[in-house]
Amino acid sequence: MDTFLQKLKIIVSEKAIRDRILFVLIALVIFRALTIVPIPGVDLTVLEQFFANNQFLGLLNIFSGGGLANLSIVMLGVGPFITASIIMQLMTVMSPKLKAMYSEEGETGRAKFTQYSRMLTLPLAILQAFGFLTLLKTQGVITGLTTFEFLVNIVIVVAGSMLLIWLGELVTEYGIGNGVSIIIFAGIVAKLPSSANQLLANYDASQIPLYAGFLVLAVGIIYGVVVMTQAERQVPITHAKQVRGGKTYGGTTSYLPLRLNQAGVIPIIFALSIMLFPQMILNILASFHVTGVAGLSDKVQSFFNNQEMYALVYFILVFVFSFFYTAVTSDPDAMSKNLQRNGAFIPGIRPGTHTSEYLGKLITRLTFVGAVFLGVIAILPMLMQIFTGISTLAIGGTALLIAVSVVIDIVRRVDSQVSLRQY
């Protein structure tokens, strides 16, 4: 308790930390103000019904930071930038040059990689804006717009998304934490009051055991997410002794941390983007009256409205992308070479190929556990709605996973800032 109070005192007294926290708060206020400014021509009654009958859009609203539910000028949120980052990650598998830039060139390579992602964001934002607005227009959510006004809406939505991405990067640079993640987190937290009001409005004394069960489950999910986010396998590492100038170096023992959930929430974002893409393309083609597309679009839409099939496909995609992202970011061969280059080895394992094979098997087993966990967490609200008939999107699932991960990351970063001042 004394340590906590001491750190809190440093946070309050240090101007640099205060300024960073204040910058984040100001950015969040600006973001929330933007989410309540709607685009022209929205029928709010039809919009509410459309969202109530579409589980997918409810999940997608999480990644827009809550702006999609209001059809605000930032309705796309940071989605185009996330999609661009996913495409760039996929490209590293096909392009050795991009892979080397991302994983071998250090901070300079990553900065260049991020810049390419930004350049790709604009055309993707235009494509997504056109697809979303076309879908909403065909569903009667947006009415009474001329062609020119429809194009103006596209420009407004794209500009809002780019503004939000810029705001997120400012938070990353001048605030504390990852700006994009904090924006998504703010949208999740902003939904809590309305969810609580809805729960109170539908309160039924006969459902108290069910409410208690949801509360226990929510606490259990939070605990599980924290444990899985923090869990790691510590692989023992021994550094070989070296004699230089009459002095002996090395001979120490450390460990190589392998996280159980190495991919974090990225596979869920990958899965949502992949599931969004065919619907968006079909909606665009249907707007141009391409033969046969309208029927196919209706079939795809009905498929995604089937909760059981949707949950199954969602789980499979999250599971597969967990392995994919871990394979991109954790290369056993590179780990083995780095250990050998630094004169380190795993006790009982020969350096080189044997170390690479050992690490590969270990990463695969850890990723399997993490992938199953992520998949279950992602579809948990849908499973609960299927079995209980009560929407539990605000309890657990993707939103809770993101919220807990962001809070843990912010606490770590604040703690590191405080530690610097202590030393």
Protein backbone atom coordinates (compact mmCIF):
# COMPACT_ATOMS: atom_id res chain seq x y z
CA MET A 1 0.00 0.00 0.00
CA ASP A 2 2.88 2.37 0.81
CA THR A 3 4.46 1.62 -2.56
CA PHE A 4 1.19 2.39 -4.35
CA LEU A 5 0.79 5.71 -2.50
CA GLN A 6 4.39 6.60 -3.24
CA LYS A 7 3.87 5.95 -6.97
CA LEU A 8 0.62 7.89 -6.94
CA LYS A 9 2.43 10.83 -5.35
CA ILE A 10 5.04 10.74 -8.12
CA ILE A 11 2.31 10.66 -10.79
CA VAL A 12 0.60 13.73 -9.27
CA SER A 13 3.81 15.68 -8.62
CA GLU A 14 5.68 14.99 -11.89
CA LYS A 15 4.63 17.47 -14.58
CA ALA A 16 5.78 15.24 -17.47
CA ILE A 17 3.56 12.33 -16.40
CA ARG A 18 0.64 14.66 -15.62
CA ASP A 19 0.89 16.24 -19.05
CA ARG A 20 0.85 12.85 -20.77
CA ILE A 21 -2.22 11.69 -18.84
CA LEU A 22 -3.96 15.03 -19.45
CA PHE A 23 -3.24 14.76 -23.19
CA VAL A 24 -4.89 11.32 -23.30
CA LEU A 25 -7.97 12.64 -21.47
CA ILE A 26 -8.32 15.65 -23.81
CA ALA A 27 -7.97 13.38 -26.86
CA LEU A 28 -10.69 11.07 -25.50
CA VAL A 29 -13.05 14.02 -24.93
CA ILE A 30 -12.51 15.13 -28.55
CA PHE A 31 -13.09 11.58 -29.77
CA ARG A 32 -16.34 11.16 -27.80
CA ALA A 33 -17.55 14.55 -29.08
CA LEU A 34 -16.97 13.39 -32.67
CA THR A 35 -18.95 10.15 -32.12
CA ILE A 36 -22.18 12.06 -31.42
CA VAL A 37 -22.08 14.11 -34.65
CA PRO A 38 -24.19 12.10 -37.15
CA ILE A 39 -23.86 12.14 -40.92
CA PRO A 40 -26.83 13.59 -42.87
CA GLY A 41 -29.90 11.54 -43.82
CA VAL A 42 -29.97 8.98 -40.99
CA ASP A 43 -33.28 7.42 -39.90
CA LEU A 44 -32.56 6.70 -36.22
CA THR A 45 -35.54 4.33 -35.75
CA VAL A 46 -34.53 2.09 -38.66
CA LEU A 47 -30.89 2.31 -37.54
CA GLU A 48 -31.72 1.01 -34.06
CA GLN A 49 -33.70 -1.92 -35.46
CA PHE A 50 -30.97 -2.73 -37.99
CA PHE A 51 -28.31 -2.92 -35.26
CA ALA A 52 -30.56 -4.93 -32.95
CA ASN A 53 -30.94 -7.65 -35.61
CA ASN A 54 -27.27 -7.80 -36.64
CA GLN A 55 -24.76 -9.35 -34.22
CA PHE A 56 -21.88 -8.73 -36.61
CA LEU A 57 -22.39 -4.96 -36.74
CA GLY A 58 -22.59 -4.94 -32.95
CA LEU A 59 -19.11 -6.48 -32.77
CA LEU A 60 -17.83 -4.19 -35.51
CA ASN A 61 -19.08 -1.22 -33.52
CA ILE A 62 -16.53 -2.14 -30.84
CA PHE A 63 -13.65 -1.52 -33.24
CA SER A 64 -15.15 1.74 -34.46
CA GLY A 65 -14.94 3.01 -30.89
CA GLY A 66 -18.74 3.24 -30.69
CA GLY A 67 -19.06 5.64 -33.64
CA LEU A 68 -20.81 3.16 -35.94
CA ALA A 69 -23.91 2.78 -33.73
CA ASN A 70 -24.69 6.50 -34.14
CA LEU A 71 -23.55 6.66 -37.79
CA SER A 72 -21.32 9.51 -36.73
CA ILE A 73 -18.70 11.23 -38.85
CA VAL A 74 -16.16 8.80 -37.32
CA MET A 75 -18.32 5.71 -37.96
CA LEU A 76 -15.40 3.82 -39.54
CA GLY A 77 -13.26 4.47 -36.47
CA VAL A 78 -9.71 3.18 -36.81
CA GLY A 79 -10.97 0.20 -38.84
CA PRO A 80 -9.30 1.17 -42.17
CA PHE A 81 -5.90 1.53 -40.47
CA ILE A 82 -6.34 -1.83 -38.73
CA THR A 83 -7.30 -3.45 -42.05
CA ALA A 84 -4.27 -1.86 -43.75
CA SER A 85 -2.03 -3.19 -40.98
CA ILE A 86 -3.51 -6.67 -41.44
CA ILE A 87 -2.88 -6.59 -45.19
CA MET A 88 0.71 -5.50 -44.58
CA GLN A 89 1.16 -8.33 -42.07
CA LEU A 90 -0.17 -10.80 -44.65
CA MET A 91 2.23 -9.36 -47.23
CA THR A 92 5.22 -10.20 -45.01
CA VAL A 93 4.49 -13.88 -45.69
CA MET A 94 4.70 -13.36 -49.46
CA SER A 95 7.44 -10.70 -49.56
CA PRO A 96 10.83 -11.48 -47.93
CA LYS A 97 11.74 -7.80 -48.28
CA LEU A 98 8.74 -6.68 -46.20
CA LYS A 99 9.40 -9.43 -43.66
CA ALA A 100 13.01 -8.27 -43.27
CA MET A 101 11.83 -4.67 -42.94
CA TYR A 102 9.37 -5.60 -40.19
CA SER A 103 11.44 -8.05 -38.15
CA GLU A 104 15.12 -7.37 -38.86
CA GLU A 105 15.60 -3.64 -39.49
CA GLY A 106 14.67 -2.50 -35.99
CA GLU A 107 12.79 0.72 -35.26
CA THR A 108 13.65 2.27 -38.64
CA GLY A 109 12.18 -0.69 -40.52
CA ARG A 110 9.04 -0.72 -38.37
CA ALA A 111 8.55 3.03 -38.90
CA LYS A 112 8.77 2.54 -42.67
CA PHE A 113 6.41 -0.45 -42.43
CA THR A 114 3.89 1.69 -40.50
CA GLN A 115 4.18 4.44 -43.11
CA TYR A 116 3.21 1.97 -45.85
CA SER A 117 0.22 0.97 -43.72
CA ARG A 118 -0.84 4.63 -43.49
CA MET A 119 -0.60 5.02 -47.28
CA LEU A 120 -2.82 1.98 -47.75
CA THR A 121 -5.36 3.27 -45.21
CA LEU A 122 -6.85 6.01 -47.43
CA PRO A 123 -8.04 3.80 -50.35
CA LEU A 124 -9.33 1.23 -47.86
CA ALA A 125 -11.24 3.96 -45.99
CA ILE A 126 -12.87 5.07 -49.27
CA LEU A 127 -13.79 1.48 -50.12
CA GLN A 128 -15.21 0.76 -46.65
CA ALA A 129 -17.13 4.05 -46.54
CA PHE A 130 -18.74 3.35 -49.92
CA GLY A 131 -19.58 -0.24 -48.92
CA PHE A 132 -21.08 0.69 -45.54
CA LEU A 133 -23.11 3.63 -46.82
CA THR A 134 -24.39 1.56 -49.76
CA LEU A 135 -25.49 -1.19 -47.37
CA LEU A 136 -27.20 1.31 -45.08
CA LYS A 137 -28.91 2.98 -48.03
CA THR A 138 -30.29 -0.33 -49.34
CA GLN A 139 -31.57 -1.17 -45.84
CA GLY A 140 -33.40 2.16 -45.57
CA VAL A 141 -31.21 3.46 -42.76
CA ILE A 142 -30.02 6.40 -44.89
CA THR A 143 -32.75 8.03 -46.98
CA GLY A 144 -33.47 11.11 -49.06
CA LEU A 145 -29.95 11.71 -50.37
CA THR A 146 -29.04 12.70 -53.91
CA THR A 147 -25.97 11.18 -55.58
CA PHE A 148 -23.92 14.28 -54.77
CA GLU A 149 -25.01 14.21 -51.10
CA PHE A 150 -24.15 10.51 -50.95
CA LEU A 151 -20.63 11.27 -52.25
CA VAL A 152 -20.32 14.10 -49.71
CA ASN A 153 -21.18 11.60 -46.97
CA ILE A 154 -18.38 9.34 -48.20
CA VAL A 155 -15.90 12.23 -48.04
CA ILE A 156 -17.09 13.14 -44.52
CA VAL A 157 -16.78 9.57 -43.25
CA VAL A 158 -13.30 9.07 -44.79
CA ALA A 159 -12.09 12.41 -43.38
CA GLY A 160 -13.47 11.48 -39.94
CA SER A 161 -11.64 8.15 -39.99
CA MET A 162 -8.33 9.75 -41.01
CA LEU A 163 -8.77 12.41 -38.30
CA LEU A 164 -9.34 9.70 -35.69
CA ILE A 165 -6.27 7.73 -36.82
CA TRP A 166 -4.18 10.92 -36.60
CA LEU A 167 -5.58 11.57 -33.11
CA GLY A 168 -4.67 8.02 -32.08
CA GLU A 169 -1.09 8.46 -33.28
CA LEU A 170 -0.82 11.72 -31.34
CA VAL A 171 -1.91 9.83 -28.21
CA THR A 172 0.76 7.20 -28.87
CA GLU A 173 3.45 9.89 -29.25
CA TYR A 174 2.48 12.42 -26.59
CA GLY A 175 0.30 10.38 -24.24
CA ILE A 176 0.63 7.02 -22.50
CA GLY A 177 -0.20 3.77 -24.25
CA ASN A 178 -1.19 2.80 -27.79
CA GLY A 179 -3.53 5.46 -29.16
CA VAL A 180 -5.54 3.15 -31.43
CA SER A 181 -6.15 0.68 -28.58
CA ILE A 182 -7.13 3.50 -26.20
CA ILE A 183 -9.70 4.82 -28.70
CA ILE A 184 -11.27 1.36 -29.00
CA PHE A 185 -11.17 1.06 -25.20
CA ALA A 186 -12.95 4.40 -24.81
CA GLY A 187 -15.75 3.23 -27.10
CA ILE A 188 -16.18 0.06 -25.00
CA VAL A 189 -16.29 1.95 -21.70
CA ALA A 190 -18.72 4.51 -23.14
CA LYS A 191 -21.22 1.70 -23.78
CA LEU A 192 -21.35 0.64 -20.13
CA PRO A 193 -23.85 3.30 -18.87
CA SER A 194 -26.35 2.54 -21.67
CA SER A 195 -25.94 -1.21 -21.08
CA ALA A 196 -26.56 -0.70 -17.35
CA ASN A 197 -29.66 1.41 -18.08
CA GLN A 198 -30.97 -1.26 -20.44
CA LEU A 199 -30.40 -3.92 -17.80
CA LEU A 200 -32.26 -1.87 -15.18
CA ALA A 201 -35.12 -1.16 -17.59
CA ASN A 202 -35.56 -4.88 -18.28
CA TYR A 203 -35.07 -5.88 -14.64
CA ASP A 204 -37.07 -8.93 -13.60
CA ALA A 205 -36.92 -10.20 -10.02
CA SER A 206 -37.41 -13.78 -11.22
CA GLN A 207 -34.16 -13.50 -13.21
CA ILE A 208 -31.98 -12.69 -10.18
CA PRO A 209 -30.20 -16.12 -10.25
CA LEU A 210 -29.41 -15.53 -13.93
CA TYR A 211 -28.07 -12.03 -13.19
CA ALA A 212 -25.93 -13.46 -10.37
CA GLY A 213 -24.62 -16.09 -12.76
CA PHE A 214 -23.70 -13.42 -15.30
CA LEU A 215 -21.88 -11.43 -12.60
CA VAL A 216 -19.89 -14.47 -11.46
CA LEU A 217 -19.09 -15.31 -15.07
CA ALA A 218 -17.96 -11.74 -15.77
CA VAL A 219 -15.57 -11.81 -12.79
CA GLY A 220 -14.29 -15.21 -13.91
CA ILE A 221 -13.72 -13.96 -17.46
CA ILE A 222 -11.82 -10.91 -16.20
CA TYR A 223 -9.63 -13.15 -14.04
CA GLY A 224 -9.04 -15.55 -16.94
CA VAL A 225 -8.16 -12.74 -19.36
CA VAL A 226 -5.67 -11.23 -16.89
CA VAL A 227 -4.05 -14.63 -16.24
CA MET A 228 -3.85 -15.52 -19.96
CA THR A 229 -2.56 -12.06 -20.89
CA GLN A 230 0.20 -12.19 -18.26
CA ALA A 231 1.04 -15.92 -18.53
CA GLU A 232 4.36 -16.88 -20.09
CA ARG A 233 6.61 -19.91 -20.36
CA GLN A 234 10.11 -19.11 -19.13
CA VAL A 235 12.64 -21.10 -21.12
CA PRO A 236 15.95 -21.27 -19.16
CA ILE A 237 18.96 -19.79 -21.00
CA THR A 238 22.62 -20.23 -20.05
CA HIS A 239 25.31 -17.88 -21.36
CA ALA A 240 28.63 -19.55 -22.12
CA LYS A 241 31.72 -18.38 -20.24
CA GLN A 242 34.18 -16.29 -22.23
CA VAL A 243 37.66 -15.14 -21.19
CA ARG A 244 38.66 -11.70 -22.42
CA GLY A 245 41.73 -9.81 -21.25
CA GLY A 246 42.17 -12.06 -18.25
CA LYS A 247 38.56 -11.59 -17.15
CA THR A 248 35.78 -14.16 -17.35
CA TYR A 249 32.42 -13.08 -18.77
CA GLY A 250 29.16 -15.00 -19.07
CA GLY A 251 28.24 -18.13 -17.20
CA THR A 252 25.03 -16.49 -16.04
CA THR A 253 21.54 -17.97 -16.28
CA SER A 254 18.48 -16.12 -17.55
CA TYR A 255 15.32 -17.08 -19.37
CA LEU A 256 13.56 -16.57 -22.70
CA PRO A 257 9.91 -15.49 -22.10
CA LEU A 258 7.35 -17.08 -24.44
CA ARG A 259 3.89 -15.61 -23.89
CA LEU A 260 0.92 -17.95 -23.79
CA ASN A 261 -1.22 -15.45 -25.70
CA GLN A 262 1.47 -14.09 -28.00
CA ALA A 263 -0.99 -12.70 -30.56
CA GLY A 264 -3.11 -10.69 -28.10
CA VAL A 265 -6.37 -9.45 -29.60
CA ILE A 266 -4.96 -9.23 -33.15
CA PRO A 267 -6.49 -12.57 -34.36
CA ILE A 268 -9.98 -11.35 -33.40
CA ILE A 269 -9.44 -8.16 -35.39
CA PHE A 270 -8.12 -10.24 -38.33
CA ALA A 271 -11.20 -12.51 -38.21
CA LEU A 272 -13.67 -9.60 -38.12
CA SER A 273 -11.94 -7.92 -41.06
CA ILE A 274 -12.00 -11.11 -43.14
CA MET A 275 -15.70 -11.65 -42.37
CA LEU A 276 -16.48 -8.04 -43.25
CA PHE A 277 -14.66 -8.06 -46.60
CA PRO A 278 -16.98 -10.35 -48.66
CA GLN A 279 -20.09 -8.55 -47.39
CA MET A 280 -18.63 -5.17 -48.28
CA ILE A 281 -17.57 -6.27 -51.79
CA LEU A 282 -20.95 -7.88 -52.50
CA ASN A 283 -22.77 -4.73 -51.35
CA ILE A 284 -20.66 -2.59 -53.67
CA LEU A 285 -21.29 -4.92 -56.64
CA ALA A 286 -25.01 -5.10 -55.83
CA SER A 287 -25.22 -1.29 -55.91
CA PHE A 288 -24.04 -1.46 -59.55
CA HIS A 289 -26.73 -4.08 -60.30
CA VAL A 290 -24.24 -6.79 -61.29
CA THR A 291 -26.12 -9.90 -62.44
CA GLY A 292 -26.57 -12.55 -59.73
CA VAL A 293 -24.82 -10.54 -57.03
CA ALA A 294 -28.00 -9.42 -55.25
CA GLY A 295 -29.08 -13.02 -54.61
CA LEU A 296 -25.60 -14.00 -53.45
CA SER A 297 -25.48 -10.97 -51.14
CA ASP A 298 -28.78 -12.01 -49.54
CA LYS A 299 -27.45 -15.55 -48.99
CA VAL A 300 -24.27 -14.24 -47.35
CA GLN A 301 -26.31 -11.90 -45.16
CA SER A 302 -28.64 -14.71 -44.06
CA PHE A 303 -25.61 -16.90 -43.31
CA PHE A 304 -24.15 -14.27 -40.99
CA ASN A 305 -27.54 -13.83 -39.32
CA ASN A 306 -27.43 -17.53 -38.37
CA GLN A 307 -25.75 -17.28 -34.96
CA GLU A 308 -24.62 -20.91 -34.77
CA MET A 309 -22.84 -20.86 -38.15
CA TYR A 310 -21.51 -17.36 -37.52
CA ALA A 311 -20.01 -18.42 -34.17
CA LEU A 312 -18.42 -21.52 -35.74
CA VAL A 313 -16.78 -19.58 -38.59
CA TYR A 314 -15.70 -16.85 -36.18
CA PHE A 315 -14.05 -19.38 -33.84
CA ILE A 316 -12.21 -21.12 -36.69
CA LEU A 317 -10.89 -17.84 -38.11
CA VAL A 318 -9.68 -16.63 -34.69
CA PHE A 319 -7.98 -20.00 -34.09
CA VAL A 320 -6.24 -20.01 -37.49
CA PHE A 321 -5.13 -16.37 -37.30
CA SER A 322 -3.67 -16.96 -33.83
CA PHE A 323 -1.23 -19.43 -35.38
CA PHE A 324 -0.63 -17.18 -38.37
CA TYR A 325 0.20 -14.04 -36.37
CA THR A 326 2.40 -15.98 -33.94
CA ALA A 327 4.28 -17.49 -36.91
CA VAL A 328 4.90 -13.97 -38.31
CA THR A 329 6.07 -12.42 -35.04
CA SER A 330 7.85 -15.38 -33.40
CA ASP A 331 10.37 -17.09 -35.68
CA PRO A 332 12.10 -20.08 -33.95
CA ASP A 333 14.97 -20.00 -36.48
CA ALA A 334 15.66 -16.32 -35.75
CA MET A 335 15.49 -16.98 -31.98
CA SER A 336 17.96 -19.87 -32.33
CA LYS A 337 20.39 -17.75 -34.38
CA ASN A 338 20.21 -14.87 -31.89
CA LEU A 339 20.95 -17.22 -28.98
CA GLN A 340 23.88 -18.77 -30.83
CA ARG A 341 25.20 -15.34 -31.87
CA ASN A 342 25.15 -14.18 -28.24
CA GLY A 343 26.85 -17.30 -26.94
CA ALA A 344 23.71 -18.57 -25.19
CA PHE A 345 22.04 -21.96 -25.25
CA ILE A 346 19.14 -23.88 -23.72
CA PRO A 347 20.44 -26.48 -21.23
CA GLY A 348 20.11 -29.98 -22.66
CA ILE A 349 19.41 -28.74 -26.21
CA ARG A 350 22.11 -28.50 -28.86
CA PRO A 351 22.47 -25.06 -30.51
CA GLY A 352 21.30 -24.53 -34.08
CA THR A 353 18.67 -26.76 -35.67
CA HIS A 354 17.84 -28.66 -32.48
CA THR A 355 17.16 -25.42 -30.60
CA SER A 356 15.00 -24.15 -33.45
CA GLU A 357 12.95 -27.38 -33.49
CA TYR A 358 12.56 -27.33 -29.70
CA LEU A 359 11.37 -23.71 -29.68
CA GLY A 360 9.06 -24.38 -32.65
CA LYS A 361 7.31 -27.26 -30.86
CA LEU A 362 7.07 -25.24 -27.65
CA ILE A 363 5.58 -22.21 -29.43
CA THR A 364 3.08 -24.44 -31.25
CA ARG A 365 1.83 -25.98 -27.99
CA LEU A 366 1.56 -22.58 -26.29
CA THR A 367 -0.19 -21.06 -29.31
CA PHE A 368 -2.74 -23.90 -29.37
CA VAL A 369 -3.82 -23.11 -25.81
CA GLY A 370 -3.89 -19.37 -26.49
CA ALA A 371 -5.82 -19.84 -29.75
CA VAL A 372 -8.52 -21.96 -28.10
CA PHE A 373 -8.83 -19.40 -25.30
CA LEU A 374 -9.16 -16.49 -27.75
CA GLY A 375 -11.72 -18.37 -29.84
CA VAL A 376 -13.87 -19.22 -26.81
CA ILE A 377 -13.69 -15.66 -25.47
CA ALA A 378 -14.63 -14.26 -28.91
CA ILE A 379 -17.80 -16.36 -29.30
CA LEU A 380 -18.78 -16.48 -25.61
CA PRO A 381 -21.43 -13.69 -25.82
CA MET A 382 -23.01 -15.42 -28.82
CA LEU A 383 -23.07 -18.77 -27.04
CA MET A 384 -24.72 -17.19 -24.02
CA GLN A 385 -27.30 -15.47 -26.20
CA ILE A 386 -28.03 -18.76 -27.98
CA PHE A 387 -28.56 -20.67 -24.71
CA THR A 388 -30.19 -17.94 -22.59
CA GLY A 389 -31.79 -15.67 -25.17
CA ILE A 390 -30.24 -12.62 -23.46
CA SER A 391 -27.80 -10.39 -25.31
CA THR A 392 -24.52 -10.30 -23.36
CA LEU A 393 -22.31 -8.38 -25.75
CA ALA A 394 -21.28 -6.02 -22.96
CA ILE A 395 -20.26 -8.93 -20.71
CA GLY A 396 -17.04 -10.68 -21.54
CA GLY A 397 -15.99 -11.56 -25.05
CA THR A 398 -14.02 -9.36 -27.38
CA ALA A 399 -14.85 -6.10 -25.61
CA LEU A 400 -13.68 -7.35 -22.23
CA LEU A 401 -10.52 -8.85 -23.69
CA ILE A 402 -9.59 -5.54 -25.32
CA ALA A 403 -10.49 -3.51 -22.23
CA VAL A 404 -8.42 -5.66 -19.85
CA SER A 405 -5.46 -5.79 -22.26
CA VAL A 406 -5.47 -1.99 -22.68
CA VAL A 407 -5.71 -1.38 -18.92
CA ILE A 408 -2.80 -3.76 -18.26
CA ASP A 409 -0.72 -2.04 -20.97
CA ILE A 410 -1.46 1.45 -19.58
CA VAL A 411 -0.61 0.37 -16.02
CA ARG A 412 2.71 -1.06 -17.25
CA ARG A 413 3.60 2.12 -19.13
CA VAL A 414 2.66 4.39 -16.21
CA ASP A 415 4.67 2.17 -13.89
CA SER A 416 7.71 2.41 -16.19
CA GLN A 417 7.40 6.22 -16.26
CA VAL A 418 7.22 6.28 -12.44
CA SER A 419 10.21 3.92 -12.16
CA LEU A 420 12.31 6.27 -14.30
CA ARG A 421 11.56 9.13 -11.89
CA GLN A 422 12.34 6.96 -8.86
CA TYR A 423 15.76 6.12 -10.18
